[in-house]
Amino acid sequence: MPSNMPSKIKQLNKRQEEILSFLEKENKASAMSDILGFLQKKDAIVSRMTVNRDLRELKSRGYLEEEGVGRGAVYF
């Protein structure tokens, strides 16, 4: 491993992968409520706060973009 590489690279969890898959399949900007509804339909027990945390993590790592703020925010 090159010396400038972090010793531990953080992997995406299954829920984060499902969020990205959903956004890619939808092929349009989606609101938090759409993403939360998708995950809950898959029998996932997940809170709005957890999804919000996942979205922030995915955004900070460059996997998605956010447009708008608060309840009006959409992700793509």
N, C-alpha and C. Protein backbone atom coordinates (compact mmCIF):
# COMPACT_ATOMS: atom_id res chain seq x y z
N MET A 1 0.86 -1.18 0.00
CA MET A 1 0.00 0.00 0.00
C MET A 1 0.90 1.24 0.00
N PRO A 2 0.63 2.21 -0.88
CA PRO A 2 1.43 3.43 -0.89
C PRO A 2 1.38 4.15 0.45
N SER A 3 2.45 4.82 0.81
CA SER A 3 2.54 5.47 2.12
C SER A 3 1.55 6.62 2.29
N ASN A 4 1.08 7.22 1.19
CA ASN A 4 0.15 8.35 1.32
C ASN A 4 -1.31 7.90 1.40
N MET A 5 -1.57 6.61 1.33
CA MET A 5 -2.93 6.08 1.42
C MET A 5 -3.31 5.89 2.88
N PRO A 6 -4.57 6.19 3.25
CA PRO A 6 -4.99 5.93 4.62
C PRO A 6 -4.95 4.43 4.89
N SER A 7 -4.66 4.08 6.12
CA SER A 7 -4.53 2.67 6.44
C SER A 7 -5.88 1.96 6.41
N LYS A 8 -6.97 2.69 6.61
CA LYS A 8 -8.30 2.08 6.61
C LYS A 8 -9.22 2.93 5.75
N ILE A 9 -9.69 2.38 4.65
CA ILE A 9 -10.62 3.09 3.77
C ILE A 9 -12.03 2.70 4.18
N LYS A 10 -12.86 3.70 4.44
CA LYS A 10 -14.22 3.44 4.88
C LYS A 10 -15.09 2.99 3.70
N GLN A 11 -15.71 1.85 3.86
CA GLN A 11 -16.58 1.28 2.84
C GLN A 11 -18.00 1.83 3.00
N LEU A 12 -18.76 1.78 1.92
CA LEU A 12 -20.18 2.13 2.01
C LEU A 12 -20.93 0.98 2.67
N ASN A 13 -21.93 1.30 3.48
CA ASN A 13 -22.75 0.23 4.04
C ASN A 13 -23.86 -0.12 3.06
N LYS A 14 -24.57 -1.20 3.34
CA LYS A 14 -25.61 -1.69 2.42
C LYS A 14 -26.69 -0.63 2.17
N ARG A 15 -27.09 0.07 3.22
CA ARG A 15 -28.13 1.09 3.08
C ARG A 15 -27.66 2.23 2.18
N GLN A 16 -26.42 2.65 2.33
CA GLN A 16 -25.87 3.70 1.49
C GLN A 16 -25.81 3.24 0.04
N GLU A 17 -25.45 1.99 -0.19
CA GLU A 17 -25.44 1.44 -1.55
C GLU A 17 -26.85 1.43 -2.14
N GLU A 18 -27.83 1.08 -1.31
CA GLU A 18 -29.22 1.07 -1.78
C GLU A 18 -29.71 2.48 -2.11
N ILE A 19 -29.30 3.46 -1.34
CA ILE A 19 -29.66 4.86 -1.62
C ILE A 19 -29.11 5.27 -2.98
N LEU A 20 -27.84 4.98 -3.22
CA LEU A 20 -27.23 5.34 -4.50
C LEU A 20 -27.90 4.60 -5.66
N SER A 21 -28.22 3.34 -5.45
CA SER A 21 -28.90 2.55 -6.48
C SER A 21 -30.27 3.15 -6.80
N PHE A 22 -31.00 3.54 -5.77
CA PHE A 22 -32.31 4.16 -5.95
C PHE A 22 -32.20 5.45 -6.75
N LEU A 23 -31.26 6.31 -6.37
CA LEU A 23 -31.10 7.59 -7.06
C LEU A 23 -30.69 7.38 -8.52
N GLU A 24 -29.85 6.39 -8.76
CA GLU A 24 -29.43 6.10 -10.13
C GLU A 24 -30.60 5.58 -10.96
N LYS A 25 -31.40 4.70 -10.36
CA LYS A 25 -32.54 4.13 -11.07
C LYS A 25 -33.62 5.18 -11.34
N GLU A 26 -33.85 6.06 -10.38
CA GLU A 26 -34.86 7.11 -10.54
C GLU A 26 -34.44 8.09 -11.63
N ASN A 27 -33.14 8.32 -11.75
CA ASN A 27 -32.59 9.20 -12.78
C ASN A 27 -33.18 10.61 -12.72
N LYS A 28 -33.52 11.04 -11.51
CA LYS A 28 -34.01 12.40 -11.28
C LYS A 28 -33.74 12.75 -9.83
N ALA A 29 -33.76 14.02 -9.52
CA ALA A 29 -33.57 14.45 -8.14
C ALA A 29 -34.70 13.92 -7.27
N SER A 30 -34.34 13.43 -6.09
CA SER A 30 -35.33 12.84 -5.18
C SER A 30 -35.22 13.48 -3.81
N ALA A 31 -36.36 13.65 -3.18
CA ALA A 31 -36.42 14.22 -1.84
C ALA A 31 -36.10 13.15 -0.80
N MET A 32 -35.76 13.59 0.38
CA MET A 32 -35.50 12.67 1.49
C MET A 32 -36.68 11.74 1.72
N SER A 33 -37.90 12.27 1.62
CA SER A 33 -39.09 11.44 1.86
C SER A 33 -39.20 10.31 0.82
N ASP A 34 -38.79 10.57 -0.42
CA ASP A 34 -38.80 9.53 -1.45
C ASP A 34 -37.79 8.43 -1.10
N ILE A 35 -36.63 8.84 -0.66
CA ILE A 35 -35.57 7.89 -0.32
C ILE A 35 -35.97 7.08 0.90
N LEU A 36 -36.51 7.74 1.91
CA LEU A 36 -36.95 7.07 3.12
C LEU A 36 -38.07 6.08 2.80
N GLY A 37 -39.04 6.49 1.98
CA GLY A 37 -40.12 5.59 1.57
C GLY A 37 -39.61 4.37 0.85
N PHE A 38 -38.64 4.55 -0.04
CA PHE A 38 -38.04 3.43 -0.77
C PHE A 38 -37.41 2.44 0.20
N LEU A 39 -36.63 2.94 1.15
CA LEU A 39 -35.97 2.05 2.10
C LEU A 39 -36.98 1.32 2.98
N GLN A 40 -38.03 2.01 3.40
CA GLN A 40 -39.04 1.38 4.25
C GLN A 40 -39.85 0.33 3.49
N LYS A 41 -40.05 0.53 2.19
CA LYS A 41 -40.74 -0.49 1.38
C LYS A 41 -39.92 -1.76 1.27
N LYS A 42 -38.62 -1.63 1.41
CA LYS A 42 -37.73 -2.79 1.36
C LYS A 42 -37.64 -3.47 2.72
N ASP A 43 -38.60 -3.16 3.61
CA ASP A 43 -38.65 -3.73 4.95
C ASP A 43 -37.49 -3.32 5.83
N ALA A 44 -36.88 -2.21 5.50
CA ALA A 44 -35.78 -1.70 6.34
C ALA A 44 -36.38 -0.86 7.45
N ILE A 45 -35.95 -1.11 8.66
CA ILE A 45 -36.35 -0.28 9.78
C ILE A 45 -35.29 0.79 9.90
N VAL A 46 -35.65 1.98 9.43
CA VAL A 46 -34.67 3.06 9.37
C VAL A 46 -35.37 4.38 9.70
N SER A 47 -34.69 5.22 10.45
CA SER A 47 -35.26 6.50 10.82
C SER A 47 -34.84 7.58 9.83
N ARG A 48 -35.58 8.67 9.85
CA ARG A 48 -35.26 9.83 9.02
C ARG A 48 -33.86 10.35 9.37
N MET A 49 -33.52 10.35 10.65
CA MET A 49 -32.22 10.84 11.09
C MET A 49 -31.09 9.97 10.52
N THR A 50 -31.28 8.67 10.48
CA THR A 50 -30.27 7.77 9.94
C THR A 50 -30.07 8.01 8.45
N VAL A 51 -31.17 8.17 7.71
CA VAL A 51 -31.07 8.44 6.28
C VAL A 51 -30.39 9.79 6.06
N ASN A 52 -30.73 10.77 6.87
CA ASN A 52 -30.10 12.08 6.76
C ASN A 52 -28.59 11.97 6.97
N ARG A 53 -28.19 11.18 7.96
CA ARG A 53 -26.77 10.97 8.23
C ARG A 53 -26.09 10.30 7.03
N ASP A 54 -26.75 9.29 6.45
CA ASP A 54 -26.21 8.62 5.26
C ASP A 54 -26.07 9.59 4.09
N LEU A 55 -27.07 10.44 3.89
CA LEU A 55 -27.02 11.40 2.78
C LEU A 55 -25.88 12.40 2.98
N ARG A 56 -25.69 12.86 4.21
CA ARG A 56 -24.57 13.77 4.48
C ARG A 56 -23.23 13.09 4.21
N GLU A 57 -23.11 11.84 4.62
CA GLU A 57 -21.87 11.09 4.40
C GLU A 57 -21.62 10.90 2.90
N LEU A 58 -22.65 10.51 2.16
CA LEU A 58 -22.50 10.30 0.72
C LEU A 58 -22.16 11.61 0.01
N LYS A 59 -22.76 12.70 0.46
CA LYS A 59 -22.47 14.01 -0.14
C LYS A 59 -21.03 14.41 0.15
N SER A 60 -20.58 14.23 1.38
CA SER A 60 -19.22 14.63 1.75
C SER A 60 -18.16 13.80 1.01
N ARG A 61 -18.51 12.59 0.62
CA ARG A 61 -17.58 11.73 -0.10
C ARG A 61 -17.71 11.87 -1.61
N GLY A 62 -18.61 12.76 -2.06
CA GLY A 62 -18.72 13.05 -3.48
C GLY A 62 -19.58 12.09 -4.29
N TYR A 63 -20.39 11.26 -3.61
CA TYR A 63 -21.23 10.30 -4.31
C TYR A 63 -22.52 10.92 -4.83
N LEU A 64 -22.97 12.00 -4.21
CA LEU A 64 -24.20 12.64 -4.66
C LEU A 64 -24.12 14.13 -4.43
N GLU A 65 -25.07 14.82 -5.01
CA GLU A 65 -25.16 16.27 -4.85
C GLU A 65 -26.52 16.61 -4.25
N GLU A 66 -26.54 17.73 -3.55
CA GLU A 66 -27.76 18.21 -2.92
C GLU A 66 -28.10 19.58 -3.50
N GLU A 67 -29.37 19.77 -3.76
CA GLU A 67 -29.85 21.06 -4.25
C GLU A 67 -30.98 21.51 -3.35
N GLY A 68 -30.92 22.74 -2.89
CA GLY A 68 -31.93 23.25 -1.97
C GLY A 68 -31.51 23.04 -0.53
N VAL A 69 -32.38 23.46 0.38
CA VAL A 69 -32.07 23.33 1.80
C VAL A 69 -33.28 22.82 2.57
N GLY A 70 -33.02 22.27 3.73
CA GLY A 70 -34.09 21.81 4.61
C GLY A 70 -35.02 20.81 3.93
N ARG A 71 -36.30 20.98 4.18
CA ARG A 71 -37.30 20.05 3.62
C ARG A 71 -37.41 20.15 2.10
N GLY A 72 -36.92 21.23 1.54
CA GLY A 72 -36.96 21.42 0.09
C GLY A 72 -35.76 20.83 -0.64
N ALA A 73 -34.84 20.23 0.10
CA ALA A 73 -33.63 19.68 -0.53
C ALA A 73 -33.96 18.43 -1.33
N VAL A 74 -33.25 18.29 -2.46
CA VAL A 74 -33.35 17.09 -3.27
C VAL A 74 -31.92 16.59 -3.55
N TYR A 75 -31.83 15.31 -3.82
CA TYR A 75 -30.53 14.67 -4.01
C TYR A 75 -30.47 13.99 -5.38
N PHE A 76 -29.30 14.06 -5.98
CA PHE A 76 -29.11 13.38 -7.27
C PHE A 76 -27.67 12.97 -7.41
